[in-house]
Amino acid sequence: MVQVLWNHILVEVTSVKALTYPQAMGILVLSKILFGGFGSRHQRPPFGGPPHWREKWKSMDEDEKARFRSEWKSRFGRKE
């Protein structure tokens, strides 16, 4: 499927060359490693993160939640 989509869409729209079957398989494997992994689809819940995180959040008091938010912002917030 990767080969068919690549060769029928990208070759016409851009200046890339057509893919061979082994190249298409390589791109598929690489994309699974980078973006999807090889685990089961049932390892991660579909929405909302792991259920135990929700339970932990519900059991936190307001001070713990504030410390968590502050730590999260310091690690992942915008760097200005």
PDB file of N, CA and C in Angstrom:
ATOM      1  N   MET A   1       0.817  -1.182   0.000  1.00  0.00           N
ATOM      2  CA  MET A   1       0.000   0.000   0.000  1.00  0.00           C
ATOM      3  C   MET A   1       0.870   1.259   0.000  1.00  0.00           C
ATOM      4  N   VAL A   2       1.973   1.234   0.771  1.00  0.00           N
ATOM      5  CA  VAL A   2       2.881   2.381   0.802  1.00  0.00           C
ATOM      6  C   VAL A   2       3.406   2.666  -0.604  1.00  0.00           C
ATOM      7  N   GLN A   3       3.798   1.613  -1.298  1.00  0.00           N
ATOM      8  CA  GLN A   3       4.359   1.772  -2.645  1.00  0.00           C
ATOM      9  C   GLN A   3       3.313   2.351  -3.598  1.00  0.00           C
ATOM     10  N   VAL A   4       2.125   1.840  -3.541  1.00  0.00           N
ATOM     11  CA  VAL A   4       1.073   2.301  -4.454  1.00  0.00           C
ATOM     12  C   VAL A   4       0.744   3.776  -4.201  1.00  0.00           C
ATOM     13  N   LEU A   5       0.553   4.126  -2.933  1.00  0.00           N
ATOM     14  CA  LEU A   5       0.237   5.515  -2.618  1.00  0.00           C
ATOM     15  C   LEU A   5       1.381   6.449  -2.993  1.00  0.00           C
ATOM     16  N   TRP A   6       2.595   6.056  -2.667  1.00  0.00           N
ATOM     17  CA  TRP A   6       3.774   6.876  -2.995  1.00  0.00           C
ATOM     18  C   TRP A   6       3.856   7.093  -4.502  1.00  0.00           C
ATOM     19  N   ASN A   7       3.793   6.001  -5.249  1.00  0.00           N
ATOM     20  CA  ASN A   7       3.992   6.090  -6.690  1.00  0.00           C
ATOM     21  C   ASN A   7       2.855   6.796  -7.416  1.00  0.00           C
ATOM     22  N   HIS A   8       1.649   6.743  -6.879  1.00  0.00           N
ATOM     23  CA  HIS A   8       0.535   7.392  -7.558  1.00  0.00           C
ATOM     24  C   HIS A   8       0.284   8.819  -7.100  1.00  0.00           C
ATOM     25  N   ILE A   9       0.754   9.178  -5.927  1.00  0.00           N
ATOM     26  CA  ILE A   9       0.507  10.536  -5.432  1.00  0.00           C
ATOM     27  C   ILE A   9       1.774  11.385  -5.475  1.00  0.00           C
ATOM     28  N   LEU A  10       2.809  10.953  -4.781  1.00  0.00           N
ATOM     29  CA  LEU A  10       3.992  11.799  -4.637  1.00  0.00           C
ATOM     30  C   LEU A  10       4.783  11.962  -5.924  1.00  0.00           C
ATOM     31  N   VAL A  11       4.824  10.938  -6.763  1.00  0.00           N
ATOM     32  CA  VAL A  11       5.583  11.039  -8.009  1.00  0.00           C
ATOM     33  C   VAL A  11       4.972  12.111  -8.909  1.00  0.00           C
ATOM     34  N   GLU A  12       3.644  12.180  -8.914  1.00  0.00           N
ATOM     35  CA  GLU A  12       2.973  13.167  -9.761  1.00  0.00           C
ATOM     36  C   GLU A  12       3.026  14.579  -9.179  1.00  0.00           C
ATOM     37  N   VAL A  13       2.959  14.688  -7.863  1.00  0.00           N
ATOM     38  CA  VAL A  13       2.879  15.990  -7.215  1.00  0.00           C
ATOM     39  C   VAL A  13       4.257  16.613  -7.000  1.00  0.00           C
ATOM     40  N   THR A  14       5.241  15.801  -6.685  1.00  0.00           N
ATOM     41  CA  THR A  14       6.589  16.306  -6.405  1.00  0.00           C
ATOM     42  C   THR A  14       7.571  15.717  -7.406  1.00  0.00           C
ATOM     43  N   SER A  15       8.834  15.976  -7.195  1.00  0.00           N
ATOM     44  CA  SER A  15       9.837  15.461  -8.122  1.00  0.00           C
ATOM     45  C   SER A  15      10.552  14.233  -7.565  1.00  0.00           C
ATOM     46  N   VAL A  16       9.881  13.462  -6.691  1.00  0.00           N
ATOM     47  CA  VAL A  16      10.504  12.252  -6.143  1.00  0.00           C
ATOM     48  C   VAL A  16      10.396  11.118  -7.153  1.00  0.00           C
ATOM     49  N   LYS A  17      11.287  10.141  -7.001  1.00  0.00           N
ATOM     50  CA  LYS A  17      11.269   8.973  -7.882  1.00  0.00           C
ATOM     51  C   LYS A  17      10.298   7.935  -7.353  1.00  0.00           C
ATOM     52  N   ALA A  18       9.887   7.030  -8.219  1.00  0.00           N
ATOM     53  CA  ALA A  18       8.999   5.943  -7.828  1.00  0.00           C
ATOM     54  C   ALA A  18       9.750   4.982  -6.905  1.00  0.00           C
ATOM     55  N   LEU A  19       9.009   4.346  -6.010  1.00  0.00           N
ATOM     56  CA  LEU A  19       9.592   3.395  -5.061  1.00  0.00           C
ATOM     57  C   LEU A  19       9.510   1.976  -5.593  1.00  0.00           C
ATOM     58  N   THR A  20      10.493   1.176  -5.213  1.00  0.00           N
ATOM     59  CA  THR A  20      10.416  -0.259  -5.454  1.00  0.00           C
ATOM     60  C   THR A  20       9.755  -0.888  -4.238  1.00  0.00           C
ATOM     61  N   TYR A  21       9.396  -2.152  -4.344  1.00  0.00           N
ATOM     62  CA  TYR A  21       8.765  -2.838  -3.219  1.00  0.00           C
ATOM     63  C   TYR A  21       9.669  -2.867  -1.979  1.00  0.00           C
ATOM     64  N   PRO A  22      10.960  -3.234  -2.100  1.00  0.00           N
ATOM     65  CA  PRO A  22      11.821  -3.224  -0.900  1.00  0.00           C
ATOM     66  C   PRO A  22      11.953  -1.827  -0.268  1.00  0.00           C
ATOM     67  N   GLN A  23      12.001  -0.800  -1.083  1.00  0.00           N
ATOM     68  CA  GLN A  23      12.076   0.562  -0.535  1.00  0.00           C
ATOM     69  C   GLN A  23      10.798   0.909   0.229  1.00  0.00           C
ATOM     70  N   ALA A  24       9.663   0.508  -0.304  1.00  0.00           N
ATOM     71  CA  ALA A  24       8.390   0.763   0.368  1.00  0.00           C
ATOM     72  C   ALA A  24       8.327   0.034   1.707  1.00  0.00           C
ATOM     73  N   MET A  25       8.822  -1.201   1.745  1.00  0.00           N
ATOM     74  CA  MET A  25       8.847  -1.953   3.000  1.00  0.00           C
ATOM     75  C   MET A  25       9.773  -1.276   4.009  1.00  0.00           C
ATOM     76  N   GLY A  26      10.892  -0.759   3.535  1.00  0.00           N
ATOM     77  CA  GLY A  26      11.814  -0.047   4.414  1.00  0.00           C
ATOM     78  C   GLY A  26      11.182   1.189   5.014  1.00  0.00           C
ATOM     79  N   ILE A  27      10.459   1.947   4.207  1.00  0.00           N
ATOM     80  CA  ILE A  27       9.771   3.142   4.715  1.00  0.00           C
ATOM     81  C   ILE A  27       8.690   2.752   5.716  1.00  0.00           C
ATOM     82  N   LEU A  28       7.972   1.678   5.447  1.00  0.00           N
ATOM     83  CA  LEU A  28       6.941   1.221   6.363  1.00  0.00           C
ATOM     84  C   LEU A  28       7.541   0.823   7.710  1.00  0.00           C
ATOM     85  N   VAL A  29       8.615   0.050   7.688  1.00  0.00           N
ATOM     86  CA  VAL A  29       9.266  -0.366   8.927  1.00  0.00           C
ATOM     87  C   VAL A  29       9.822   0.846   9.673  1.00  0.00           C
ATOM     88  N   LEU A  30      10.466   1.749   8.967  1.00  0.00           N
ATOM     89  CA  LEU A  30      11.015   2.943   9.594  1.00  0.00           C
ATOM     90  C   LEU A  30       9.918   3.791  10.237  1.00  0.00           C
ATOM     91  N   SER A  31       8.803   3.949   9.551  1.00  0.00           N
ATOM     92  CA  SER A  31       7.712   4.752  10.115  1.00  0.00           C
ATOM     93  C   SER A  31       7.111   4.082  11.342  1.00  0.00           C
ATOM     94  N   LYS A  32       7.031   2.754  11.348  1.00  0.00           N
ATOM     95  CA  LYS A  32       6.525   2.038  12.523  1.00  0.00           C
ATOM     96  C   LYS A  32       7.464   2.223  13.699  1.00  0.00           C
ATOM     97  N   ILE A  33       8.770   2.198  13.449  1.00  0.00           N
ATOM     98  CA  ILE A  33       9.736   2.390  14.524  1.00  0.00           C
ATOM     99  C   ILE A  33       9.637   3.812  15.070  1.00  0.00           C
ATOM    100  N   LEU A  34       9.595   4.798  14.181  1.00  0.00           N
ATOM    101  CA  LEU A  34       9.609   6.195  14.608  1.00  0.00           C
ATOM    102  C   LEU A  34       8.290   6.659  15.203  1.00  0.00           C
ATOM    103  N   PHE A  35       7.171   6.202  14.662  1.00  0.00           N
ATOM    104  CA  PHE A  35       5.884   6.770  15.048  1.00  0.00           C
ATOM    105  C   PHE A  35       4.931   5.812  15.745  1.00  0.00           C
ATOM    106  N   GLY A  36       5.031   4.517  15.467  1.00  0.00           N
ATOM    107  CA  GLY A  36       4.002   3.651  16.005  1.00  0.00           C
ATOM    108  C   GLY A  36       4.488   2.529  16.881  1.00  0.00           C
ATOM    109  N   GLY A  37       5.732   2.146  16.748  1.00  0.00           N
ATOM    110  CA  GLY A  37       6.208   1.003  17.497  1.00  0.00           C
ATOM    111  C   GLY A  37       5.640  -0.284  16.936  1.00  0.00           C
ATOM    112  N   PHE A  38       6.016  -1.383  17.544  1.00  0.00           N
ATOM    113  CA  PHE A  38       5.551  -2.679  17.072  1.00  0.00           C
ATOM    114  C   PHE A  38       4.663  -3.378  18.080  1.00  0.00           C
ATOM    115  N   GLY A  39       4.245  -2.672  19.123  1.00  0.00           N
ATOM    116  CA  GLY A  39       3.421  -3.275  20.155  1.00  0.00           C
ATOM    117  C   GLY A  39       1.992  -3.480  19.699  1.00  0.00           C
ATOM    118  N   SER A  40       1.252  -4.098  20.564  1.00  0.00           N
ATOM    119  CA  SER A  40      -0.156  -4.345  20.307  1.00  0.00           C
ATOM    120  C   SER A  40      -0.924  -3.026  20.351  1.00  0.00           C
ATOM    121  N   ARG A  41      -2.003  -2.947  19.610  1.00  0.00           N
ATOM    122  CA  ARG A  41      -2.843  -1.756  19.623  1.00  0.00           C
ATOM    123  C   ARG A  41      -3.527  -1.586  20.967  1.00  0.00           C
ATOM    124  N   HIS A  42      -3.570  -2.651  21.765  1.00  0.00           N
ATOM    125  CA  HIS A  42      -4.292  -2.598  23.028  1.00  0.00           C
ATOM    126  C   HIS A  42      -3.388  -2.263  24.210  1.00  0.00           C
ATOM    127  N   GLN A  43      -2.141  -1.929  23.952  1.00  0.00           N
ATOM    128  CA  GLN A  43      -1.248  -1.580  25.048  1.00  0.00           C
ATOM    129  C   GLN A  43      -1.547  -0.199  25.595  1.00  0.00           C
ATOM    130  N   ARG A  44      -2.021   0.704  24.763  1.00  0.00           N
ATOM    131  CA  ARG A  44      -2.315   2.062  25.191  1.00  0.00           C
ATOM    132  C   ARG A  44      -3.818   2.290  25.143  1.00  0.00           C
ATOM    133  N   PRO A  45      -4.382   2.937  26.158  1.00  0.00           N
ATOM    134  CA  PRO A  45      -5.797   3.263  26.058  1.00  0.00           C
ATOM    135  C   PRO A  45      -6.025   4.288  24.955  1.00  0.00           C
ATOM    136  N   PRO A  46      -7.147   4.239  24.269  1.00  0.00           N
ATOM    137  CA  PRO A  46      -7.362   5.121  23.129  1.00  0.00           C
ATOM    138  C   PRO A  46      -7.459   6.592  23.495  1.00  0.00           C
ATOM    139  N   PHE A  47      -8.008   6.928  24.668  1.00  0.00           N
ATOM    140  CA  PHE A  47      -8.183   8.330  25.036  1.00  0.00           C
ATOM    141  C   PHE A  47      -7.856   8.524  26.506  1.00  0.00           C
ATOM    142  N   GLY A  48      -7.263   9.664  26.808  1.00  0.00           N
ATOM    143  CA  GLY A  48      -7.139  10.071  28.195  1.00  0.00           C
ATOM    144  C   GLY A  48      -5.956   9.535  28.970  1.00  0.00           C
ATOM    145  N   GLY A  49      -5.060   8.818  28.365  1.00  0.00           N
ATOM    146  CA  GLY A  49      -3.909   8.315  29.100  1.00  0.00           C
ATOM    147  C   GLY A  49      -4.257   7.116  29.944  1.00  0.00           C
ATOM    148  N   PRO A  50      -3.253   6.565  30.596  1.00  0.00           N
ATOM    149  CA  PRO A  50      -3.504   5.379  31.436  1.00  0.00           C
ATOM    150  C   PRO A  50      -4.479   5.699  32.564  1.00  0.00           C
ATOM    151  N   PRO A  51      -5.370   4.788  32.859  1.00  0.00           N
ATOM    152  CA  PRO A  51      -6.386   5.032  33.891  1.00  0.00           C
ATOM    153  C   PRO A  51      -5.771   5.321  35.262  1.00  0.00           C
ATOM    154  N   HIS A  52      -4.614   4.716  35.573  1.00  0.00           N
ATOM    155  CA  HIS A  52      -4.037   4.942  36.892  1.00  0.00           C
ATOM    156  C   HIS A  52      -3.572   6.392  37.058  1.00  0.00           C
ATOM    157  N   TRP A  53      -3.262   7.092  35.979  1.00  0.00           N
ATOM    158  CA  TRP A  53      -2.893   8.506  36.076  1.00  0.00           C
ATOM    159  C   TRP A  53      -4.099   9.329  36.504  1.00  0.00           C
ATOM    160  N   ARG A  54      -5.265   9.006  35.931  1.00  0.00           N
ATOM    161  CA  ARG A  54      -6.477   9.737  36.312  1.00  0.00           C
ATOM    162  C   ARG A  54      -6.795   9.529  37.788  1.00  0.00           C
ATOM    163  N   GLU A  55      -6.635   8.296  38.242  1.00  0.00           N
ATOM    164  CA  GLU A  55      -6.910   7.996  39.646  1.00  0.00           C
ATOM    165  C   GLU A  55      -5.923   8.726  40.551  1.00  0.00           C
ATOM    166  N   LYS A  56      -4.661   8.744  40.144  1.00  0.00           N
ATOM    167  CA  LYS A  56      -3.652   9.443  40.942  1.00  0.00           C
ATOM    168  C   LYS A  56      -3.973  10.937  41.006  1.00  0.00           C
ATOM    169  N   TRP A  57      -4.360  11.524  39.871  1.00  0.00           N
ATOM    170  CA  TRP A  57      -4.699  12.952  39.832  1.00  0.00           C
ATOM    171  C   TRP A  57      -5.887  13.243  40.748  1.00  0.00           C
ATOM    172  N   LYS A  58      -6.893  12.380  40.715  1.00  0.00           N
ATOM    173  CA  LYS A  58      -8.070  12.584  41.555  1.00  0.00           C
ATOM    174  C   LYS A  58      -7.726  12.512  43.037  1.00  0.00           C
ATOM    175  N   SER A  59      -6.720  11.711  43.367  1.00  0.00           N
ATOM    176  CA  SER A  59      -6.369  11.543  44.780  1.00  0.00           C
ATOM    177  C   SER A  59      -5.424  12.629  45.291  1.00  0.00           C
ATOM    178  N   MET A  60      -4.881  13.484  44.392  1.00  0.00           N
ATOM    179  CA  MET A  60      -3.977  14.557  44.817  1.00  0.00           C
ATOM    180  C   MET A  60      -4.758  15.696  45.455  1.00  0.00           C
ATOM    181  N   ASP A  61      -4.141  16.327  46.470  1.00  0.00           N
ATOM    182  CA  ASP A  61      -4.751  17.544  47.005  1.00  0.00           C
ATOM    183  C   ASP A  61      -4.308  18.723  46.132  1.00  0.00           C
ATOM    184  N   GLU A  62      -4.854  19.914  46.415  1.00  0.00           N
ATOM    185  CA  GLU A  62      -4.585  21.079  45.557  1.00  0.00           C
ATOM    186  C   GLU A  62      -3.110  21.476  45.545  1.00  0.00           C
ATOM    187  N   ASP A  63      -2.402  21.327  46.662  1.00  0.00           N
ATOM    188  CA  ASP A  63      -0.972  21.652  46.703  1.00  0.00           C
ATOM    189  C   ASP A  63      -0.161  20.713  45.810  1.00  0.00           C
ATOM    190  N   GLU A  64      -0.488  19.439  45.859  1.00  0.00           N
ATOM    191  CA  GLU A  64       0.215  18.467  45.012  1.00  0.00           C
ATOM    192  C   GLU A  64      -0.042  18.750  43.532  1.00  0.00           C
ATOM    193  N   LYS A  65      -1.279  19.096  43.195  1.00  0.00           N
ATOM    194  CA  LYS A  65      -1.611  19.427  41.808  1.00  0.00           C
ATOM    195  C   LYS A  65      -0.850  20.673  41.355  1.00  0.00           C
ATOM    196  N   ALA A  66      -0.745  21.673  42.227  1.00  0.00           N
ATOM    197  CA  ALA A  66      -0.015  22.898  41.886  1.00  0.00           C
ATOM    198  C   ALA A  66       1.464  22.605  41.677  1.00  0.00           C
ATOM    199  N   ARG A  67       2.066  21.774  42.528  1.00  0.00           N
ATOM    200  CA  ARG A  67       3.475  21.402  42.353  1.00  0.00           C
ATOM    201  C   ARG A  67       3.670  20.636  41.049  1.00  0.00           C
ATOM    202  N   PHE A  68       2.733  19.745  40.745  1.00  0.00           N
ATOM    203  CA  PHE A  68       2.816  18.972  39.504  1.00  0.00           C
ATOM    204  C   PHE A  68       2.754  19.903  38.295  1.00  0.00           C
ATOM    205  N   ARG A  69       1.800  20.842  38.295  1.00  0.00           N
ATOM    206  CA  ARG A  69       1.669  21.785  37.182  1.00  0.00           C
ATOM    207  C   ARG A  69       2.931  22.625  37.023  1.00  0.00           C
ATOM    208  N   SER A  70       3.473  23.088  38.146  1.00  0.00           N
ATOM    209  CA  SER A  70       4.681  23.908  38.113  1.00  0.00           C
ATOM    210  C   SER A  70       5.857  23.119  37.539  1.00  0.00           C
ATOM    211  N   GLU A  71       6.023  21.891  37.980  1.00  0.00           N
ATOM    212  CA  GLU A  71       7.100  21.048  37.469  1.00  0.00           C
ATOM    213  C   GLU A  71       6.909  20.777  35.981  1.00  0.00           C
ATOM    214  N   TRP A  72       5.673  20.505  35.577  1.00  0.00           N
ATOM    215  CA  TRP A  72       5.371  20.238  34.170  1.00  0.00           C
ATOM    216  C   TRP A  72       5.717  21.453  33.303  1.00  0.00           C
ATOM    217  N   LYS A  73       5.332  22.649  33.766  1.00  0.00           N
ATOM    218  CA  LYS A  73       5.628  23.874  33.013  1.00  0.00           C
ATOM    219  C   LYS A  73       7.123  24.132  32.931  1.00  0.00           C
ATOM    220  N   SER A  74       7.852  23.858  34.023  1.00  0.00           N
ATOM    221  CA  SER A  74       9.300  24.099  33.996  1.00  0.00           C
ATOM    222  C   SER A  74      10.003  23.136  33.047  1.00  0.00           C
ATOM    223  N   ARG A  75       9.478  21.941  32.889  1.00  0.00           N
ATOM    224  CA  ARG A  75      10.092  20.961  31.982  1.00  0.00           C
ATOM    225  C   ARG A  75       9.674  21.164  30.531  1.00  0.00           C
ATOM    226  N   PHE A  76       8.380  21.416  30.317  1.00  0.00           N
ATOM    227  CA  PHE A  76       7.846  21.385  28.970  1.00  0.00           C
ATOM    228  C   PHE A  76       7.222  22.692  28.502  1.00  0.00           C
ATOM    229  N   GLY A  77       7.265  23.735  29.328  1.00  0.00           N
ATOM    230  CA  GLY A  77       6.671  25.013  28.954  1.00  0.00           C
ATOM    231  C   GLY A  77       7.497  25.719  27.908  1.00  0.00           C
ATOM    232  N   ARG A  78       6.951  26.830  27.417  1.00  0.00           N
ATOM    233  CA  ARG A  78       7.656  27.634  26.415  1.00  0.00           C
ATOM    234  C   ARG A  78       8.910  28.243  26.985  1.00  0.00           C
ATOM    235  N   LYS A  79       9.957  28.231  26.212  1.00  0.00           N
ATOM    236  CA  LYS A  79      11.211  28.886  26.586  1.00  0.00           C
ATOM    237  C   LYS A  79      11.237  30.259  25.930  1.00  0.00           C
ATOM    238  N   GLU A  80      11.094  31.310  26.713  1.00  0.00           N
ATOM    239  CA  GLU A  80      11.024  32.668  26.146  1.00  0.00           C
ATOM    240  C   GLU A  80      12.293  33.407  26.364  1.00  0.00           C
TER     241      GLU A  80
END
